[in-house]
Amino acid sequence: MIKIAKKLSLTDVNKLDSKLNEMKTIYLNDGDFKLDVYIKFRDTKISRLLLDFQEAFEVLRKETVSYNQVQNMMLLSQMLILKQFTNLGLEKLDMSKKEDLYKLFNIAEKLVDTGIYEQIFEQFEKDELEKINKAIEQSNQMGKQIGEIMASAINHEKIKGEDNAEGLH
């Protein structure tokens, strides 16, 4: 059977686009809290996530980061997913501003420590998370930057440790 295609119109594009705005409500901590999350991840929001990632690394490149902050950086892409694809209230944070970036790190620790972080991520579609992973992998420049920042943090910790050891003599 041959399917007859219809001409694409702006109305069709708008209908398709509206499906990308659909959210679902998830319940956390045995129903104590609710949060809305996007069902499908828009490519434009993934691009914004990558831009936020880049801006955060530019801020961190100018800083001497601690080992604890490096650990927080490991959660950065996931926190940016929450920023772009939930109504948690992170969308106003500007990753080009140091204070906003550190707020995000602080929130990340709290979400992990309370167990909410894991509960949220269990609700995202695996295919949608994979889209983000692929986009990050394709942006190999980010991997290089992560390595530079981690090396800087490790060197800083070594120097700090040596300075403390010298003070003991």
N, C-alpha and C. Protein backbone atom coordinates (compact mmCIF):
# COMPACT_ATOMS: atom_id res chain seq x y z
N MET A 1 0.84 -1.17 0.00
CA MET A 1 0.00 0.00 0.00
C MET A 1 0.89 1.24 0.00
N ILE A 2 0.60 2.16 -0.87
CA ILE A 2 1.38 3.38 -1.00
C ILE A 2 0.74 4.46 -0.14
N LYS A 3 1.57 5.09 0.68
CA LYS A 3 1.09 6.17 1.53
C LYS A 3 1.24 7.48 0.75
N ILE A 4 0.19 8.25 0.72
CA ILE A 4 0.23 9.53 0.02
C ILE A 4 0.60 10.61 1.04
N ALA A 5 1.69 11.30 0.76
CA ALA A 5 2.16 12.35 1.67
C ALA A 5 1.46 13.66 1.36
N LYS A 6 1.22 14.40 2.41
CA LYS A 6 0.61 15.71 2.19
C LYS A 6 1.69 16.78 2.26
N LYS A 7 1.41 17.91 1.72
CA LYS A 7 2.34 19.03 1.71
C LYS A 7 2.51 19.53 3.14
N LEU A 8 3.74 19.74 3.54
CA LEU A 8 4.03 20.26 4.88
C LEU A 8 3.63 21.73 4.94
N SER A 9 2.90 22.08 5.99
CA SER A 9 2.47 23.47 6.18
C SER A 9 2.98 23.97 7.54
N LEU A 10 2.88 25.25 7.75
CA LEU A 10 3.26 25.82 9.03
C LEU A 10 2.40 25.28 10.16
N THR A 11 1.15 25.00 9.86
CA THR A 11 0.25 24.40 10.85
C THR A 11 0.79 23.04 11.28
N ASP A 12 1.26 22.25 10.32
CA ASP A 12 1.84 20.95 10.62
C ASP A 12 3.09 21.09 11.48
N VAL A 13 3.94 22.06 11.13
CA VAL A 13 5.16 22.29 11.90
C VAL A 13 4.81 22.68 13.34
N ASN A 14 3.82 23.55 13.49
CA ASN A 14 3.41 23.97 14.83
C ASN A 14 2.84 22.81 15.65
N LYS A 15 2.09 21.92 15.00
CA LYS A 15 1.56 20.74 15.70
C LYS A 15 2.70 19.83 16.16
N LEU A 16 3.64 19.59 15.26
CA LEU A 16 4.80 18.76 15.63
C LEU A 16 5.59 19.40 16.76
N ASP A 17 5.77 20.72 16.67
CA ASP A 17 6.52 21.45 17.69
C ASP A 17 5.82 21.39 19.05
N SER A 18 4.52 21.47 19.06
CA SER A 18 3.80 21.47 20.34
C SER A 18 4.00 20.15 21.09
N LYS A 19 4.22 19.07 20.36
CA LYS A 19 4.48 17.78 21.01
C LYS A 19 5.79 17.81 21.79
N LEU A 20 6.72 18.67 21.36
CA LEU A 20 8.00 18.78 22.05
C LEU A 20 7.90 19.59 23.34
N ASN A 21 6.77 20.25 23.55
CA ASN A 21 6.56 21.03 24.76
C ASN A 21 5.83 20.24 25.84
N GLU A 22 5.48 19.00 25.55
CA GLU A 22 4.73 18.19 26.51
C GLU A 22 5.61 17.84 27.71
N MET A 23 4.99 18.00 28.88
CA MET A 23 5.68 17.67 30.13
C MET A 23 4.84 16.64 30.89
N LYS A 24 5.50 15.93 31.76
CA LYS A 24 4.78 15.03 32.65
C LYS A 24 5.15 15.40 34.09
N THR A 25 4.23 15.16 34.98
CA THR A 25 4.47 15.42 36.40
C THR A 25 4.98 14.15 37.04
N ILE A 26 6.09 14.29 37.75
CA ILE A 26 6.65 13.15 38.48
C ILE A 26 6.53 13.46 39.97
N TYR A 27 6.46 12.42 40.76
CA TYR A 27 6.32 12.57 42.21
C TYR A 27 7.57 12.03 42.88
N LEU A 28 8.05 12.78 43.85
CA LEU A 28 9.32 12.48 44.52
C LEU A 28 9.10 12.28 46.01
N ASN A 29 10.01 11.54 46.63
CA ASN A 29 9.96 11.27 48.08
C ASN A 29 8.58 10.75 48.49
N ASP A 30 8.18 9.66 47.87
CA ASP A 30 6.90 9.02 48.18
C ASP A 30 5.71 9.96 48.07
N GLY A 31 5.76 10.85 47.06
CA GLY A 31 4.64 11.73 46.80
C GLY A 31 4.65 13.04 47.56
N ASP A 32 5.71 13.30 48.33
CA ASP A 32 5.78 14.56 49.08
C ASP A 32 5.95 15.76 48.15
N PHE A 33 6.62 15.56 47.01
CA PHE A 33 6.92 16.65 46.10
C PHE A 33 6.57 16.22 44.67
N LYS A 34 6.29 17.23 43.85
CA LYS A 34 6.06 16.94 42.44
C LYS A 34 6.93 17.89 41.61
N LEU A 35 7.24 17.44 40.41
CA LEU A 35 8.09 18.20 39.50
C LEU A 35 7.65 17.88 38.08
N ASP A 36 7.63 18.89 37.23
CA ASP A 36 7.31 18.67 35.82
C ASP A 36 8.60 18.51 35.03
N VAL A 37 8.63 17.50 34.18
CA VAL A 37 9.80 17.25 33.32
C VAL A 37 9.33 17.11 31.88
N TYR A 38 10.19 17.54 30.97
CA TYR A 38 9.88 17.39 29.56
C TYR A 38 9.96 15.91 29.18
N ILE A 39 9.05 15.49 28.31
CA ILE A 39 9.04 14.11 27.84
C ILE A 39 10.06 13.95 26.72
N LYS A 40 10.08 14.89 25.79
CA LYS A 40 11.05 14.88 24.68
C LYS A 40 11.99 16.06 24.83
N PHE A 41 13.25 15.85 24.50
CA PHE A 41 14.27 16.89 24.61
C PHE A 41 14.46 17.57 23.27
N ARG A 42 14.14 18.84 23.21
CA ARG A 42 14.30 19.62 21.99
C ARG A 42 15.78 19.77 21.64
N ASP A 43 16.09 19.70 20.37
CA ASP A 43 17.47 19.89 19.93
C ASP A 43 17.98 21.29 20.29
N THR A 44 17.09 22.29 20.22
CA THR A 44 17.52 23.65 20.56
C THR A 44 17.85 23.77 22.05
N LYS A 45 17.12 23.05 22.90
CA LYS A 45 17.44 23.07 24.33
C LYS A 45 18.74 22.31 24.60
N ILE A 46 18.99 21.25 23.84
CA ILE A 46 20.27 20.54 23.97
C ILE A 46 21.41 21.48 23.58
N SER A 47 21.20 22.26 22.54
CA SER A 47 22.23 23.24 22.14
C SER A 47 22.46 24.26 23.24
N ARG A 48 21.39 24.70 23.90
CA ARG A 48 21.53 25.64 25.01
C ARG A 48 22.29 25.00 26.16
N LEU A 49 22.01 23.72 26.40
CA LEU A 49 22.73 22.98 27.43
C LEU A 49 24.23 22.98 27.13
N LEU A 50 24.59 22.70 25.88
CA LEU A 50 25.99 22.68 25.50
C LEU A 50 26.63 24.06 25.64
N LEU A 51 25.89 25.09 25.33
CA LEU A 51 26.38 26.46 25.50
C LEU A 51 26.58 26.77 26.98
N ASP A 52 25.64 26.38 27.82
CA ASP A 52 25.79 26.54 29.27
C ASP A 52 27.04 25.81 29.77
N PHE A 53 27.24 24.61 29.25
CA PHE A 53 28.40 23.80 29.61
C PHE A 53 29.68 24.56 29.27
N GLN A 54 29.73 25.10 28.08
CA GLN A 54 30.90 25.85 27.61
C GLN A 54 31.12 27.08 28.49
N GLU A 55 30.06 27.82 28.80
CA GLU A 55 30.18 29.01 29.64
C GLU A 55 30.67 28.65 31.03
N ALA A 56 30.19 27.55 31.58
CA ALA A 56 30.63 27.11 32.91
C ALA A 56 32.12 26.80 32.90
N PHE A 57 32.58 26.14 31.85
CA PHE A 57 34.00 25.82 31.78
C PHE A 57 34.86 27.06 31.61
N GLU A 58 34.35 28.05 30.93
CA GLU A 58 35.10 29.31 30.81
C GLU A 58 35.26 29.96 32.18
N VAL A 59 34.21 29.93 32.97
CA VAL A 59 34.28 30.47 34.34
C VAL A 59 35.28 29.68 35.16
N LEU A 60 35.21 28.37 35.08
CA LEU A 60 36.09 27.51 35.89
C LEU A 60 37.54 27.60 35.43
N ARG A 61 37.75 27.84 34.17
CA ARG A 61 39.12 27.95 33.65
C ARG A 61 39.85 29.11 34.31
N LYS A 62 39.10 30.15 34.66
CA LYS A 62 39.69 31.34 35.28
C LYS A 62 39.89 31.17 36.78
N GLU A 63 39.36 30.11 37.33
CA GLU A 63 39.39 29.88 38.78
C GLU A 63 40.41 28.82 39.14
N THR A 64 40.81 28.85 40.38
CA THR A 64 41.55 27.72 40.94
C THR A 64 40.49 26.88 41.62
N VAL A 65 40.19 25.75 41.02
CA VAL A 65 39.10 24.93 41.55
C VAL A 65 39.64 23.90 42.53
N SER A 66 38.84 23.62 43.53
CA SER A 66 39.19 22.62 44.53
C SER A 66 38.80 21.24 44.03
N TYR A 67 39.28 20.24 44.71
CA TYR A 67 38.94 18.87 44.35
C TYR A 67 37.43 18.66 44.50
N ASN A 68 36.84 19.25 45.54
CA ASN A 68 35.39 19.15 45.76
C ASN A 68 34.62 19.74 44.57
N GLN A 69 35.11 20.85 44.04
CA GLN A 69 34.46 21.46 42.88
C GLN A 69 34.61 20.57 41.65
N VAL A 70 35.72 19.86 41.53
CA VAL A 70 35.89 18.92 40.41
C VAL A 70 34.83 17.83 40.52
N GLN A 71 34.58 17.37 41.73
CA GLN A 71 33.53 16.37 41.91
C GLN A 71 32.18 16.93 41.46
N ASN A 72 31.91 18.19 41.81
CA ASN A 72 30.66 18.82 41.38
C ASN A 72 30.59 18.94 39.87
N MET A 73 31.75 19.17 39.23
CA MET A 73 31.79 19.29 37.78
C MET A 73 31.32 18.01 37.11
N MET A 74 31.55 16.88 37.78
CA MET A 74 31.10 15.61 37.23
C MET A 74 29.58 15.57 37.11
N LEU A 75 28.90 16.34 37.94
CA LEU A 75 27.44 16.41 37.89
C LEU A 75 26.93 17.54 37.00
N LEU A 76 27.85 18.33 36.46
CA LEU A 76 27.45 19.53 35.74
C LEU A 76 26.50 19.24 34.58
N SER A 77 26.82 18.28 33.74
CA SER A 77 25.95 18.03 32.59
C SER A 77 24.57 17.58 33.06
N GLN A 78 24.50 16.76 34.12
CA GLN A 78 23.21 16.32 34.63
C GLN A 78 22.42 17.49 35.22
N MET A 79 23.11 18.39 35.90
CA MET A 79 22.42 19.55 36.47
C MET A 79 21.91 20.46 35.36
N LEU A 80 22.67 20.54 34.28
CA LEU A 80 22.21 21.35 33.15
C LEU A 80 21.01 20.70 32.46
N ILE A 81 20.92 19.38 32.54
CA ILE A 81 19.72 18.69 32.06
C ILE A 81 18.53 19.12 32.91
N LEU A 82 18.72 19.17 34.20
CA LEU A 82 17.63 19.61 35.08
C LEU A 82 17.26 21.07 34.81
N LYS A 83 18.27 21.87 34.51
CA LYS A 83 18.03 23.29 34.20
C LYS A 83 17.17 23.43 32.95
N GLN A 84 17.47 22.66 31.92
CA GLN A 84 16.79 22.80 30.63
C GLN A 84 15.48 22.01 30.53
N PHE A 85 15.38 20.91 31.25
CA PHE A 85 14.28 19.98 30.99
C PHE A 85 13.38 19.70 32.19
N THR A 86 13.39 20.60 33.19
CA THR A 86 12.45 20.51 34.31
C THR A 86 11.98 21.92 34.66
N ASN A 87 11.01 21.98 35.55
CA ASN A 87 10.59 23.28 36.08
C ASN A 87 11.06 23.45 37.52
N LEU A 88 12.25 22.95 37.80
CA LEU A 88 12.82 23.02 39.15
C LEU A 88 13.15 24.46 39.56
N GLY A 89 13.35 25.33 38.58
CA GLY A 89 13.66 26.72 38.90
C GLY A 89 15.10 27.09 38.63
N LEU A 90 15.80 26.25 37.90
CA LEU A 90 17.22 26.50 37.61
C LEU A 90 17.42 27.33 36.35
N GLU A 91 16.35 27.53 35.57
CA GLU A 91 16.49 28.17 34.27
C GLU A 91 17.02 29.60 34.35
N LYS A 92 16.88 30.24 35.49
CA LYS A 92 17.35 31.63 35.62
C LYS A 92 18.85 31.72 35.92
N LEU A 93 19.45 30.59 36.27
CA LEU A 93 20.89 30.60 36.56
C LEU A 93 21.68 30.82 35.28
N ASP A 94 22.63 31.72 35.35
CA ASP A 94 23.47 32.08 34.20
C ASP A 94 24.85 31.44 34.40
N MET A 95 25.18 30.48 33.56
CA MET A 95 26.42 29.73 33.74
C MET A 95 27.67 30.54 33.42
N SER A 96 27.50 31.73 32.89
CA SER A 96 28.67 32.59 32.66
C SER A 96 28.99 33.42 33.91
N LYS A 97 28.16 33.28 34.94
CA LYS A 97 28.38 34.01 36.20
C LYS A 97 28.83 33.03 37.28
N LYS A 98 29.97 33.33 37.85
CA LYS A 98 30.57 32.45 38.86
C LYS A 98 29.60 32.14 40.00
N GLU A 99 28.91 33.16 40.51
CA GLU A 99 28.02 32.93 41.65
C GLU A 99 26.86 32.01 41.29
N ASP A 100 26.34 32.10 40.07
CA ASP A 100 25.27 31.20 39.64
C ASP A 100 25.79 29.78 39.47
N LEU A 101 26.98 29.65 38.95
CA LEU A 101 27.57 28.33 38.78
C LEU A 101 27.77 27.64 40.14
N TYR A 102 28.26 28.39 41.11
CA TYR A 102 28.45 27.81 42.43
C TYR A 102 27.11 27.51 43.13
N LYS A 103 26.07 28.30 42.83
CA LYS A 103 24.73 27.98 43.32
C LYS A 103 24.29 26.63 42.76
N LEU A 104 24.55 26.43 41.47
CA LEU A 104 24.19 25.17 40.83
C LEU A 104 24.93 24.00 41.48
N PHE A 105 26.21 24.18 41.76
CA PHE A 105 26.98 23.13 42.44
C PHE A 105 26.39 22.83 43.81
N ASN A 106 26.01 23.87 44.54
CA ASN A 106 25.43 23.71 45.87
C ASN A 106 24.11 22.94 45.78
N ILE A 107 23.28 23.29 44.82
CA ILE A 107 22.00 22.60 44.62
C ILE A 107 22.25 21.14 44.24
N ALA A 108 23.27 20.90 43.41
CA ALA A 108 23.60 19.53 43.00
C ALA A 108 23.91 18.67 44.21
N GLU A 109 24.72 19.18 45.11
CA GLU A 109 25.07 18.42 46.32
C GLU A 109 23.82 18.09 47.13
N LYS A 110 22.94 19.07 47.28
CA LYS A 110 21.72 18.85 48.06
C LYS A 110 20.81 17.82 47.40
N LEU A 111 20.69 17.89 46.08
CA LEU A 111 19.85 16.92 45.37
C LEU A 111 20.41 15.51 45.49
N VAL A 112 21.72 15.38 45.39
CA VAL A 112 22.35 14.06 45.52
C VAL A 112 22.18 13.54 46.94
N ASP A 113 22.49 14.39 47.92
CA ASP A 113 22.45 13.96 49.32
C ASP A 113 21.05 13.59 49.80
N THR A 114 20.03 14.22 49.24
CA THR A 114 18.65 13.91 49.65
C THR A 114 18.05 12.76 48.86
N GLY A 115 18.74 12.30 47.83
CA GLY A 115 18.24 11.20 47.01
C GLY A 115 17.29 11.65 45.91
N ILE A 116 16.99 12.93 45.86
CA ILE A 116 16.06 13.45 44.86
C ILE A 116 16.66 13.40 43.46
N TYR A 117 17.96 13.65 43.38
CA TYR A 117 18.66 13.62 42.09
C TYR A 117 18.38 12.32 41.35
N GLU A 118 18.60 11.21 42.03
CA GLU A 118 18.40 9.90 41.41
C GLU A 118 16.94 9.66 41.04
N GLN A 119 16.03 10.09 41.91
CA GLN A 119 14.60 9.92 41.64
C GLN A 119 14.18 10.66 40.37
N ILE A 120 14.73 11.85 40.17
CA ILE A 120 14.38 12.62 38.97
C ILE A 120 14.91 11.92 37.73
N PHE A 121 16.18 11.53 37.76
CA PHE A 121 16.78 10.95 36.56
C PHE A 121 16.19 9.60 36.19
N GLU A 122 15.63 8.90 37.15
CA GLU A 122 14.96 7.64 36.84
C GLU A 122 13.72 7.87 35.97
N GLN A 123 13.19 9.09 35.97
CA GLN A 123 11.96 9.39 35.26
C GLN A 123 12.17 9.84 33.81
N PHE A 124 13.38 10.22 33.47
CA PHE A 124 13.65 10.65 32.09
C PHE A 124 13.72 9.44 31.18
N GLU A 125 13.28 9.63 29.94
CA GLU A 125 13.37 8.58 28.94
C GLU A 125 14.85 8.34 28.62
N LYS A 126 15.25 7.09 28.58
CA LYS A 126 16.66 6.75 28.32
C LYS A 126 17.11 7.26 26.95
N ASP A 127 16.24 7.17 25.96
CA ASP A 127 16.58 7.65 24.61
C ASP A 127 16.88 9.15 24.60
N GLU A 128 16.13 9.88 25.42
CA GLU A 128 16.33 11.33 25.47
C GLU A 128 17.66 11.67 26.15
N LEU A 129 17.98 10.96 27.20
CA LEU A 129 19.28 11.17 27.86
C LEU A 129 20.43 10.79 26.93
N GLU A 130 20.21 9.77 26.12
CA GLU A 130 21.23 9.34 25.17
C GLU A 130 21.48 10.42 24.11
N LYS A 131 20.44 11.15 23.73
CA LYS A 131 20.62 12.26 22.78
C LYS A 131 21.61 13.29 23.34
N ILE A 132 21.50 13.55 24.62
CA ILE A 132 22.40 14.52 25.25
C ILE A 132 23.81 13.95 25.33
N ASN A 133 23.92 12.69 25.70
CA ASN A 133 25.25 12.07 25.77
C ASN A 133 25.95 12.13 24.42
N LYS A 134 25.22 11.86 23.36
CA LYS A 134 25.81 11.91 22.02
C LYS A 134 26.25 13.33 21.67
N ALA A 135 25.43 14.31 22.02
CA ALA A 135 25.78 15.70 21.73
C ALA A 135 27.04 16.11 22.48
N ILE A 136 27.16 15.66 23.72
CA ILE A 136 28.36 15.98 24.51
C ILE A 136 29.58 15.29 23.93
N GLU A 137 29.42 14.03 23.55
CA GLU A 137 30.54 13.30 22.95
C GLU A 137 31.02 13.98 21.67
N GLN A 138 30.08 14.48 20.90
CA GLN A 138 30.44 15.14 19.65
C GLN A 138 31.17 16.45 19.90
N SER A 139 30.95 17.00 21.04
CA SER A 139 31.64 18.24 21.39
C SER A 139 32.92 17.88 22.15
N ASN A 140 33.85 17.28 21.46
CA ASN A 140 35.06 16.76 22.10
C ASN A 140 35.92 17.86 22.72
N GLN A 141 35.69 19.08 22.35
CA GLN A 141 36.40 20.18 22.97
C GLN A 141 36.11 20.22 24.46
N MET A 142 34.89 19.86 24.84
CA MET A 142 34.53 19.85 26.25
C MET A 142 35.36 18.85 27.02
N GLY A 143 35.58 17.70 26.43
CA GLY A 143 36.40 16.69 27.09
C GLY A 143 37.79 17.20 27.36
N LYS A 144 38.34 17.91 26.41
CA LYS A 144 39.67 18.48 26.58
C LYS A 144 39.66 19.49 27.73
N GLN A 145 38.62 20.31 27.80
CA GLN A 145 38.52 21.31 28.85
C GLN A 145 38.36 20.66 30.21
N ILE A 146 37.58 19.60 30.30
CA ILE A 146 37.43 18.90 31.57
C ILE A 146 38.79 18.42 32.05
N GLY A 147 39.56 17.84 31.13
CA GLY A 147 40.90 17.36 31.48
C GLY A 147 41.80 18.48 31.98
N GLU A 148 41.76 19.64 31.32
CA GLU A 148 42.58 20.77 31.75
C GLU A 148 42.21 21.23 33.15
N ILE A 149 40.91 21.33 33.42
CA ILE A 149 40.46 21.81 34.72
C ILE A 149 40.79 20.79 35.81
N MET A 150 40.60 19.51 35.50
CA MET A 150 40.92 18.48 36.49
C MET A 150 42.42 18.46 36.79
N ALA A 151 43.24 18.59 35.77
CA ALA A 151 44.70 18.63 35.98
C ALA A 151 45.07 19.82 36.84
N SER A 152 44.46 20.95 36.59
CA SER A 152 44.71 22.15 37.38
C SER A 152 44.33 21.94 38.84
N ALA A 153 43.18 21.32 39.07
CA ALA A 153 42.71 21.07 40.44
C ALA A 153 43.64 20.11 41.16
N ILE A 154 44.07 19.07 40.46
CA ILE A 154 44.97 18.09 41.08
C ILE A 154 46.30 18.74 41.41
N ASN A 155 46.83 19.54 40.48
CA ASN A 155 48.09 20.24 40.75
C ASN A 155 47.93 21.20 41.92
N HIS A 156 46.81 21.89 41.99
CA HIS A 156 46.56 22.83 43.08
C HIS A 156 46.53 22.09 44.41
N GLU A 157 45.86 20.94 44.46
CA GLU A 157 45.78 20.15 45.69
C GLU A 157 47.18 19.67 46.11
N LYS A 158 48.01 19.27 45.12
CA LYS A 158 49.37 18.84 45.43
C LYS A 158 50.18 19.99 46.00
N ILE A 159 50.09 21.15 45.38
CA ILE A 159 50.84 22.32 45.85
C ILE A 159 50.36 22.71 47.24
N LYS A 160 49.05 22.70 47.45
CA LYS A 160 48.49 23.04 48.75
C LYS A 160 48.99 22.05 49.80
N GLY A 161 49.04 20.77 49.44
CA GLY A 161 49.53 19.74 50.35
C GLY A 161 51.01 19.93 50.67
N GLU A 162 51.81 20.31 49.65
CA GLU A 162 53.23 20.56 49.87
C GLU A 162 53.45 21.77 50.76
N ASP A 163 52.65 22.81 50.56
CA ASP A 163 52.75 24.01 51.40
C ASP A 163 52.42 23.67 52.85
N ASN A 164 51.39 22.86 53.05
CA ASN A 164 51.02 22.45 54.41
C ASN A 164 52.11 21.60 55.03
N ALA A 165 52.73 20.73 54.25
CA ALA A 165 53.80 19.88 54.77
C ALA A 165 55.02 20.71 55.16
N GLU A 166 55.33 21.75 54.38
CA GLU A 166 56.47 22.61 54.71
C GLU A 166 56.22 23.33 56.01
N GLY A 167 54.99 23.69 56.28
CA GLY A 167 54.67 24.42 57.51
C GLY A 167 54.83 23.56 58.74
N LEU A 168 54.83 22.24 58.57
CA LEU A 168 54.95 21.32 59.71
C LEU A 168 56.38 21.16 60.16
N HIS A 169 57.36 21.53 59.35
CA HIS A 169 58.78 21.32 59.70
C HIS A 169 59.28 22.39 60.62
